[in-house]
C-alpha cells in the first residue's frame, strides 16, 4: 500500500497539503508540521505534487499483519 510520508523536520506547516487532500488525511500539528493519518491516506500523491517545500513522498508501506 502506498501512503504519504512527511519529512517533519523540513515541513514549514503551510497547509497546502491539508487543503489538497481529498480524504482529509493530513493535518497541521500545532502549526509546526504536517501529520498523515495512514488509515485515511489513499496514496493519491496530491499532497506530494502540491507541497511547495517538496517534503512529502508517497512511499510503499508494509500492511499490518
Protein backbone atom coordinates (compact mmCIF):
# COMPACT_ATOMS: atom_id res chain seq x y z
CA UNK A 1 0.00 0.00 0.00
CA UNK A 2 1.24 3.46 -0.81
CA UNK A 3 0.96 6.16 1.83
CA UNK A 4 2.16 9.75 2.20
CA UNK A 5 5.18 10.39 4.39
CA UNK A 6 6.21 13.87 5.56
CA UNK A 7 9.76 14.93 6.39
CA UNK A 8 8.61 16.71 9.53
CA UNK A 9 11.99 18.34 10.17
CA UNK A 10 11.76 20.20 6.86
CA UNK A 11 7.99 20.84 6.80
CA UNK A 12 7.02 24.52 7.02
CA UNK A 13 3.38 23.82 8.02
CA UNK A 14 1.98 25.95 5.20
CA UNK A 15 -1.21 23.85 4.98
CA UNK A 16 -1.23 23.35 1.20
CA UNK A 17 -1.19 19.56 1.56
CA UNK A 18 -4.00 19.67 4.10
CA UNK A 19 -6.17 21.73 1.75
CA UNK A 20 -5.49 19.45 -1.24
CA UNK A 21 -6.01 16.06 0.42
CA UNK A 22 -9.29 14.56 -0.83
CA UNK A 23 -9.58 12.29 2.24
CA UNK A 24 -8.61 14.84 4.93
CA UNK A 25 -5.77 12.51 5.86
CA UNK A 26 -3.33 15.35 6.58
CA UNK A 27 -3.48 17.82 9.43
CA UNK A 28 -1.09 20.52 10.54
CA UNK A 29 0.13 19.62 14.01
CA UNK A 30 0.32 22.64 16.34
CA UNK A 31 1.34 24.87 13.42
CA UNK A 32 4.71 23.09 13.28
CA UNK A 33 4.46 20.26 10.72
CA UNK A 34 2.05 18.15 8.70
CA UNK A 35 0.96 14.79 10.06
CA UNK A 36 -0.53 11.98 7.96
CA UNK A 37 -3.29 9.67 9.18
CA UNK A 38 -2.28 6.49 7.35
CA UNK A 39 -5.71 4.95 7.92
CA UNK A 40 -7.26 7.69 5.75
CA UNK A 41 -4.45 8.16 3.19
CA UNK A 42 -5.09 6.51 -0.20
CA UNK A 43 -1.69 7.34 -1.73
CA UNK A 44 -3.10 9.60 -4.46
CA UNK A 45 0.01 11.86 -4.43
CA UNK A 46 -1.93 15.15 -4.44
CA UNK A 47 -0.07 16.27 -1.32
CA UNK A 48 3.28 15.32 -2.85
CA UNK A 49 2.52 17.18 -6.07
CA UNK A 50 1.31 20.35 -4.34
CA UNK A 51 3.83 20.62 -1.48
CA UNK A 52 5.81 23.83 -2.13
CA UNK A 53 8.64 22.64 0.16
CA UNK A 54 8.86 19.20 -1.54
CA UNK A 55 8.92 17.40 1.81
CA UNK A 56 6.19 14.83 1.12
CA UNK A 57 6.75 11.50 -0.60
CA UNK A 58 4.26 8.74 -1.27
CA UNK A 59 6.02 5.52 -0.37
CA UNK A 60 5.22 1.82 -0.19
CA UNK A 61 4.25 0.82 3.35
CA UNK A 62 4.02 -2.70 4.75
CA UNK A 63 0.48 -3.80 5.56
CA UNK A 64 -0.08 -4.59 9.23
CA UNK A 65 -0.49 -8.30 9.88
